[in-house]
N, C-alpha and C. Protein backbone atom coordinates (compact mmCIF):
# COMPACT_ATOMS: atom_id res chain seq x y z
N MET A 1 8.14 -6.95 -9.17
CA MET A 1 8.65 -7.60 -10.34
C MET A 1 9.57 -8.76 -9.95
N SER A 2 10.37 -8.56 -8.93
CA SER A 2 11.29 -9.62 -8.51
C SER A 2 10.52 -10.83 -7.99
N TYR A 3 9.35 -10.60 -7.41
CA TYR A 3 8.53 -11.71 -6.93
C TYR A 3 8.19 -12.65 -8.08
N PHE A 4 7.76 -12.09 -9.20
CA PHE A 4 7.37 -12.91 -10.35
C PHE A 4 8.58 -13.61 -10.97
N TYR A 5 9.71 -12.93 -10.97
CA TYR A 5 10.94 -13.54 -11.48
C TYR A 5 11.32 -14.76 -10.65
N HIS A 6 11.24 -14.62 -9.33
CA HIS A 6 11.59 -15.75 -8.46
C HIS A 6 10.55 -16.87 -8.55
N GLN A 7 9.30 -16.53 -8.78
CA GLN A 7 8.27 -17.55 -8.99
C GLN A 7 8.59 -18.35 -10.25
N LEU A 8 8.99 -17.68 -11.30
CA LEU A 8 9.34 -18.36 -12.55
C LEU A 8 10.52 -19.29 -12.32
N LEU A 9 11.55 -18.81 -11.62
CA LEU A 9 12.71 -19.66 -11.36
C LEU A 9 12.34 -20.89 -10.54
N SER A 10 11.50 -20.71 -9.53
CA SER A 10 11.13 -21.86 -8.70
C SER A 10 10.33 -22.88 -9.51
N ARG A 11 9.51 -22.43 -10.42
CA ARG A 11 8.76 -23.36 -11.26
C ARG A 11 9.67 -24.10 -12.24
N LEU A 12 10.67 -23.40 -12.75
CA LEU A 12 11.61 -24.04 -13.66
C LEU A 12 12.43 -25.09 -12.93
N PHE A 13 12.86 -24.79 -11.71
CA PHE A 13 13.65 -25.75 -10.95
C PHE A 13 12.81 -26.95 -10.52
N ARG A 14 11.55 -26.72 -10.18
CA ARG A 14 10.67 -27.82 -9.80
C ARG A 14 10.42 -28.76 -10.96
N GLY A 15 10.47 -28.25 -12.15
CA GLY A 15 10.22 -29.07 -13.33
C GLY A 15 11.39 -29.97 -13.69
N GLY A 16 12.49 -29.93 -12.93
CA GLY A 16 13.63 -30.79 -13.17
C GLY A 16 14.48 -30.38 -14.35
N ARG A 17 14.47 -29.11 -14.67
CA ARG A 17 15.24 -28.65 -15.83
C ARG A 17 16.67 -28.27 -15.48
N GLY A 18 17.05 -28.41 -14.24
CA GLY A 18 18.43 -28.11 -13.86
C GLY A 18 18.68 -26.63 -13.72
N GLN A 19 19.93 -26.25 -13.86
CA GLN A 19 20.32 -24.86 -13.72
C GLN A 19 19.86 -24.06 -14.94
N VAL A 20 19.12 -23.02 -14.67
CA VAL A 20 18.63 -22.15 -15.74
C VAL A 20 19.07 -20.74 -15.40
N SER A 21 19.69 -20.07 -16.33
CA SER A 21 20.11 -18.69 -16.11
C SER A 21 19.29 -17.79 -17.01
N LEU A 22 18.43 -17.03 -16.39
CA LEU A 22 17.61 -16.09 -17.15
C LEU A 22 18.12 -14.68 -16.91
N PRO A 23 18.20 -13.88 -17.94
CA PRO A 23 18.63 -12.49 -17.73
C PRO A 23 17.55 -11.71 -16.99
N VAL A 24 17.97 -10.78 -16.18
CA VAL A 24 17.04 -9.92 -15.47
C VAL A 24 17.06 -8.57 -16.17
N PHE A 25 15.91 -8.16 -16.64
CA PHE A 25 15.81 -6.91 -17.37
C PHE A 25 15.20 -5.84 -16.47
N TRP A 26 15.99 -5.36 -15.49
CA TRP A 26 15.51 -4.30 -14.63
C TRP A 26 15.70 -2.98 -15.37
N PRO A 27 14.75 -2.10 -15.25
CA PRO A 27 14.97 -0.78 -15.85
C PRO A 27 16.03 -0.03 -15.05
N GLN A 28 17.02 0.48 -15.72
CA GLN A 28 18.08 1.22 -15.05
C GLN A 28 17.60 2.65 -14.81
N THR A 29 17.53 3.02 -13.55
CA THR A 29 17.10 4.37 -13.23
C THR A 29 18.28 5.31 -13.33
N ARG A 30 18.05 6.44 -13.94
CA ARG A 30 19.13 7.40 -14.15
C ARG A 30 18.89 8.72 -13.42
N THR A 31 17.69 8.91 -12.89
CA THR A 31 17.41 10.16 -12.18
C THR A 31 17.06 9.85 -10.73
N ARG A 32 17.25 10.85 -9.89
CA ARG A 32 16.91 10.69 -8.47
C ARG A 32 15.42 10.44 -8.30
N GLU A 33 14.62 11.17 -9.05
CA GLU A 33 13.16 11.06 -8.93
C GLU A 33 12.68 9.67 -9.30
N ALA A 34 13.21 9.13 -10.41
CA ALA A 34 12.80 7.79 -10.84
C ALA A 34 13.23 6.74 -9.82
N ALA A 35 14.42 6.92 -9.26
CA ALA A 35 14.92 5.96 -8.27
C ALA A 35 14.06 5.99 -7.01
N ILE A 36 13.74 7.18 -6.53
CA ILE A 36 12.93 7.30 -5.32
C ILE A 36 11.54 6.73 -5.55
N THR A 37 10.97 6.97 -6.73
CA THR A 37 9.66 6.41 -7.06
C THR A 37 9.72 4.89 -7.08
N MET A 38 10.75 4.34 -7.69
CA MET A 38 10.90 2.88 -7.74
C MET A 38 11.06 2.30 -6.33
N LEU A 39 11.88 2.94 -5.52
CA LEU A 39 12.10 2.47 -4.16
C LEU A 39 10.81 2.56 -3.33
N ALA A 40 10.07 3.65 -3.51
CA ALA A 40 8.82 3.83 -2.77
C ALA A 40 7.81 2.76 -3.15
N ASP A 41 7.71 2.47 -4.42
CA ASP A 41 6.78 1.44 -4.88
C ASP A 41 7.13 0.08 -4.29
N GLY A 42 8.40 -0.26 -4.31
CA GLY A 42 8.83 -1.54 -3.76
C GLY A 42 8.64 -1.63 -2.26
N ALA A 43 8.97 -0.55 -1.55
CA ALA A 43 8.83 -0.56 -0.09
C ALA A 43 7.36 -0.65 0.31
N GLU A 44 6.51 0.10 -0.37
CA GLU A 44 5.08 0.05 -0.04
C GLU A 44 4.50 -1.33 -0.30
N ALA A 45 4.84 -1.93 -1.43
CA ALA A 45 4.33 -3.27 -1.75
C ALA A 45 4.80 -4.29 -0.72
N THR A 46 6.06 -4.19 -0.32
CA THR A 46 6.60 -5.12 0.67
C THR A 46 5.89 -4.97 2.01
N VAL A 47 5.70 -3.75 2.44
CA VAL A 47 5.07 -3.50 3.74
C VAL A 47 3.60 -3.92 3.72
N ARG A 48 2.89 -3.59 2.64
CA ARG A 48 1.47 -3.96 2.57
C ARG A 48 1.28 -5.47 2.53
N SER A 49 2.17 -6.18 1.87
CA SER A 49 2.00 -7.63 1.77
C SER A 49 2.43 -8.36 3.05
N ASN A 50 3.37 -7.79 3.80
CA ASN A 50 3.86 -8.46 5.02
C ASN A 50 3.18 -8.00 6.30
N ARG A 51 2.55 -6.85 6.29
CA ARG A 51 1.83 -6.30 7.45
C ARG A 51 2.64 -6.41 8.75
N PRO A 52 3.67 -5.59 8.89
CA PRO A 52 4.51 -5.68 10.08
C PRO A 52 3.75 -5.32 11.34
N ALA A 53 4.06 -6.01 12.44
CA ALA A 53 3.37 -5.80 13.70
C ALA A 53 4.05 -4.72 14.55
N THR A 54 5.34 -4.51 14.36
CA THR A 54 6.07 -3.54 15.18
C THR A 54 6.82 -2.55 14.29
N LEU A 55 7.26 -1.47 14.91
CA LEU A 55 8.05 -0.48 14.19
C LEU A 55 9.36 -1.09 13.71
N GLU A 56 9.95 -1.96 14.51
CA GLU A 56 11.21 -2.62 14.13
C GLU A 56 11.00 -3.48 12.88
N ASP A 57 9.88 -4.19 12.82
CA ASP A 57 9.58 -5.00 11.63
C ASP A 57 9.41 -4.11 10.40
N LEU A 58 8.74 -2.99 10.58
CA LEU A 58 8.54 -2.05 9.47
C LEU A 58 9.89 -1.52 8.98
N GLU A 59 10.73 -1.11 9.91
CA GLU A 59 12.06 -0.60 9.52
C GLU A 59 12.87 -1.67 8.81
N ARG A 60 12.81 -2.90 9.30
CA ARG A 60 13.55 -4.01 8.67
C ARG A 60 13.04 -4.26 7.25
N LEU A 61 11.73 -4.26 7.06
CA LEU A 61 11.18 -4.50 5.72
C LEU A 61 11.57 -3.41 4.73
N VAL A 62 11.52 -2.16 5.17
CA VAL A 62 11.92 -1.06 4.29
C VAL A 62 13.40 -1.16 3.96
N ASP A 63 14.22 -1.46 4.96
CA ASP A 63 15.66 -1.61 4.74
C ASP A 63 15.95 -2.74 3.75
N GLU A 64 15.29 -3.89 3.93
CA GLU A 64 15.50 -5.02 3.03
C GLU A 64 15.06 -4.69 1.60
N SER A 65 13.96 -3.97 1.49
CA SER A 65 13.46 -3.61 0.16
C SER A 65 14.45 -2.72 -0.58
N ILE A 66 14.96 -1.71 0.11
CA ILE A 66 15.93 -0.80 -0.52
C ILE A 66 17.25 -1.52 -0.79
N ARG A 67 17.71 -2.29 0.18
CA ARG A 67 18.97 -3.02 0.04
C ARG A 67 18.93 -3.98 -1.15
N ALA A 68 17.80 -4.66 -1.36
CA ALA A 68 17.68 -5.60 -2.47
C ALA A 68 17.85 -4.90 -3.82
N ARG A 69 17.29 -3.71 -3.93
CA ARG A 69 17.41 -2.98 -5.19
C ARG A 69 18.81 -2.43 -5.41
N VAL A 70 19.46 -2.03 -4.33
CA VAL A 70 20.84 -1.55 -4.44
C VAL A 70 21.75 -2.70 -4.85
N LEU A 71 21.61 -3.85 -4.19
CA LEU A 71 22.48 -5.00 -4.47
C LEU A 71 22.23 -5.61 -5.85
N SER A 72 21.03 -5.45 -6.37
CA SER A 72 20.74 -6.00 -7.70
C SER A 72 21.23 -5.08 -8.82
N GLY A 73 21.78 -3.92 -8.45
CA GLY A 73 22.34 -3.02 -9.46
C GLY A 73 21.36 -2.06 -10.08
N GLN A 74 20.16 -1.98 -9.54
CA GLN A 74 19.15 -1.10 -10.14
C GLN A 74 19.45 0.38 -9.95
N LEU A 75 20.35 0.70 -9.02
CA LEU A 75 20.69 2.10 -8.77
C LEU A 75 22.11 2.44 -9.21
N ASP A 76 22.72 1.58 -10.00
CA ASP A 76 24.11 1.79 -10.42
C ASP A 76 24.30 3.07 -11.23
N ASP A 77 23.32 3.44 -12.04
CA ASP A 77 23.45 4.62 -12.90
C ASP A 77 22.74 5.84 -12.30
N CYS A 78 22.41 5.78 -11.04
CA CYS A 78 21.64 6.83 -10.39
C CYS A 78 22.53 7.68 -9.48
N PRO A 79 22.30 8.98 -9.43
CA PRO A 79 23.16 9.85 -8.61
C PRO A 79 22.82 9.88 -7.12
N LEU A 80 22.01 8.94 -6.61
CA LEU A 80 21.71 8.92 -5.18
C LEU A 80 22.93 8.46 -4.39
N THR A 81 23.20 9.15 -3.29
CA THR A 81 24.30 8.77 -2.41
C THR A 81 23.76 7.90 -1.27
N LEU A 82 24.66 7.31 -0.49
CA LEU A 82 24.23 6.53 0.66
C LEU A 82 23.51 7.41 1.68
N GLU A 83 23.95 8.64 1.80
CA GLU A 83 23.27 9.58 2.69
C GLU A 83 21.85 9.85 2.20
N ASP A 84 21.69 10.01 0.89
CA ASP A 84 20.35 10.19 0.31
C ASP A 84 19.48 8.96 0.59
N LEU A 85 20.04 7.78 0.41
CA LEU A 85 19.27 6.55 0.63
C LEU A 85 18.84 6.42 2.09
N SER A 86 19.69 6.86 3.01
CA SER A 86 19.34 6.82 4.42
C SER A 86 18.16 7.76 4.71
N ALA A 87 18.20 8.96 4.12
CA ALA A 87 17.10 9.93 4.31
C ALA A 87 15.81 9.42 3.67
N VAL A 88 15.94 8.81 2.49
CA VAL A 88 14.78 8.24 1.81
C VAL A 88 14.18 7.12 2.65
N GLN A 89 15.02 6.27 3.18
CA GLN A 89 14.55 5.16 4.00
C GLN A 89 13.78 5.67 5.22
N GLN A 90 14.32 6.69 5.89
CA GLN A 90 13.64 7.23 7.07
C GLN A 90 12.30 7.86 6.69
N ALA A 91 12.26 8.55 5.55
CA ALA A 91 11.00 9.15 5.09
C ALA A 91 9.97 8.06 4.78
N PHE A 92 10.40 6.98 4.17
CA PHE A 92 9.48 5.87 3.88
C PHE A 92 8.92 5.27 5.17
N VAL A 93 9.78 5.08 6.16
CA VAL A 93 9.33 4.51 7.43
C VAL A 93 8.30 5.43 8.07
N ASP A 94 8.55 6.74 8.05
CA ASP A 94 7.61 7.69 8.64
C ASP A 94 6.25 7.64 7.95
N VAL A 95 6.26 7.61 6.63
CA VAL A 95 5.00 7.60 5.88
C VAL A 95 4.28 6.27 6.05
N LEU A 96 5.00 5.17 5.91
CA LEU A 96 4.38 3.85 6.00
C LEU A 96 3.91 3.54 7.43
N ARG A 97 4.56 4.11 8.42
CA ARG A 97 4.09 3.94 9.79
C ARG A 97 2.71 4.56 9.95
N GLY A 98 2.47 5.67 9.28
CA GLY A 98 1.15 6.30 9.31
C GLY A 98 0.09 5.45 8.64
N LEU A 99 0.48 4.71 7.60
CA LEU A 99 -0.48 3.84 6.92
C LEU A 99 -0.77 2.58 7.72
N GLN A 100 0.16 2.16 8.55
CA GLN A 100 0.03 0.91 9.28
C GLN A 100 -0.47 1.09 10.71
N HIS A 101 -0.94 2.27 11.07
CA HIS A 101 -1.33 2.48 12.46
C HIS A 101 -2.52 1.59 12.82
N PRO A 102 -2.57 1.16 14.08
CA PRO A 102 -3.65 0.27 14.49
C PRO A 102 -4.98 1.01 14.57
N ARG A 103 -6.03 0.32 14.30
CA ARG A 103 -7.36 0.89 14.37
C ARG A 103 -8.08 0.28 15.56
N ILE A 104 -8.97 1.05 16.15
CA ILE A 104 -9.75 0.51 17.25
C ILE A 104 -10.81 -0.42 16.70
N THR A 105 -11.25 -1.36 17.54
CA THR A 105 -12.28 -2.29 17.14
C THR A 105 -13.63 -1.74 17.59
N TYR A 106 -14.52 -1.55 16.64
CA TYR A 106 -15.84 -1.05 16.96
C TYR A 106 -16.76 -2.22 17.31
N LEU A 107 -17.65 -1.99 18.25
CA LEU A 107 -18.63 -3.02 18.59
C LEU A 107 -19.60 -3.21 17.44
N GLN A 108 -19.92 -4.44 17.17
CA GLN A 108 -20.87 -4.74 16.10
C GLN A 108 -22.26 -4.80 16.69
N LYS A 109 -23.07 -3.80 16.44
CA LYS A 109 -24.45 -3.79 16.90
C LYS A 109 -25.33 -4.04 15.69
N PRO A 110 -26.35 -4.84 15.86
CA PRO A 110 -27.25 -5.04 14.73
C PRO A 110 -27.95 -3.73 14.39
N CYS A 111 -28.05 -3.48 13.14
CA CYS A 111 -28.68 -2.26 12.66
C CYS A 111 -30.19 -2.36 12.87
N GLN A 112 -30.74 -1.38 13.56
CA GLN A 112 -32.18 -1.37 13.80
C GLN A 112 -32.82 -0.35 12.89
N ARG A 113 -33.80 -0.80 12.13
CA ARG A 113 -34.52 0.13 11.26
C ARG A 113 -35.60 0.81 12.05
N ARG A 114 -35.65 2.08 11.93
CA ARG A 114 -36.72 2.84 12.57
C ARG A 114 -37.88 2.96 11.60
N GLN A 115 -39.05 3.00 12.14
CA GLN A 115 -40.23 3.24 11.32
C GLN A 115 -40.25 4.72 10.96
N ARG A 116 -40.28 4.99 9.69
CA ARG A 116 -40.34 6.39 9.25
C ARG A 116 -41.79 6.83 9.30
N PRO A 117 -42.06 8.01 9.83
CA PRO A 117 -43.44 8.49 9.86
C PRO A 117 -43.93 8.77 8.45
N GLN A 118 -45.18 8.53 8.23
CA GLN A 118 -45.79 8.84 6.95
C GLN A 118 -45.87 10.35 6.77
N VAL A 119 -45.95 10.79 5.54
CA VAL A 119 -45.97 12.22 5.24
C VAL A 119 -47.16 12.89 5.92
N ARG A 120 -48.30 12.23 5.92
CA ARG A 120 -49.48 12.85 6.53
C ARG A 120 -49.32 12.98 8.04
N GLU A 121 -48.62 12.03 8.68
CA GLU A 121 -48.40 12.10 10.11
C GLU A 121 -47.54 13.29 10.48
N MET A 122 -46.73 13.74 9.56
CA MET A 122 -45.85 14.87 9.82
C MET A 122 -46.56 16.19 9.54
N GLY A 123 -47.76 16.14 8.99
CA GLY A 123 -48.49 17.38 8.73
C GLY A 123 -48.23 17.98 7.37
N PHE A 124 -47.68 17.18 6.43
CA PHE A 124 -47.38 17.71 5.11
C PHE A 124 -48.24 17.08 4.01
N GLY A 125 -49.28 16.36 4.36
CA GLY A 125 -50.11 15.69 3.36
C GLY A 125 -51.00 16.67 2.60
N ARG A 126 -51.86 16.13 1.72
CA ARG A 126 -52.71 16.97 0.87
C ARG A 126 -53.67 17.84 1.68
N GLY A 127 -54.13 17.36 2.78
CA GLY A 127 -55.11 18.14 3.55
C GLY A 127 -54.49 19.12 4.51
N SER A 128 -53.18 19.21 4.57
CA SER A 128 -52.53 20.08 5.57
C SER A 128 -52.53 21.52 5.12
N SER A 129 -52.36 22.39 6.09
CA SER A 129 -52.31 23.83 5.78
C SER A 129 -51.04 24.16 4.99
N TRP A 130 -49.99 23.38 5.19
CA TRP A 130 -48.76 23.61 4.43
C TRP A 130 -48.98 23.37 2.96
N HIS A 131 -49.72 22.32 2.63
CA HIS A 131 -49.99 21.98 1.23
C HIS A 131 -50.88 23.01 0.57
N ARG A 132 -51.82 23.61 1.32
CA ARG A 132 -52.73 24.60 0.77
C ARG A 132 -52.07 25.97 0.65
N GLY A 133 -50.92 26.14 1.29
CA GLY A 133 -50.21 27.41 1.15
C GLY A 133 -50.58 28.41 2.23
N GLY A 134 -51.28 28.04 3.19
CA GLY A 134 -51.63 28.98 4.25
C GLY A 134 -51.53 28.33 5.61
N ALA A 135 -51.73 29.13 6.63
CA ALA A 135 -51.64 28.60 7.98
C ALA A 135 -52.97 28.55 8.66
């Protein structure tokens, strides 16, 4: 959501309209569950869009994502403590590290179609003993 807000501001400033103050209508989270869900959504979106190359980059992105929401006041009415946020951050890093693991590169071989044998060649055609019900 903040991405779109900043896009709007940059377009307004580019248009030569001067200083524009728009209110930010962030939903105030009041429960731990809602806050953790909001933080998880933001951290995942940030990590997926930036594709960190190292564990340090991943940790930095998750930290920045959580810090931005704390500093913007989105957690002001929430009972999460700094200790809780630290545990949440570490859990996010662990989960997102699993999503970002490197994959091996498979060799690209051209697909070769095999000739499938005809039904009669396999002995199951109309004249076969299998079709007549006996051996």
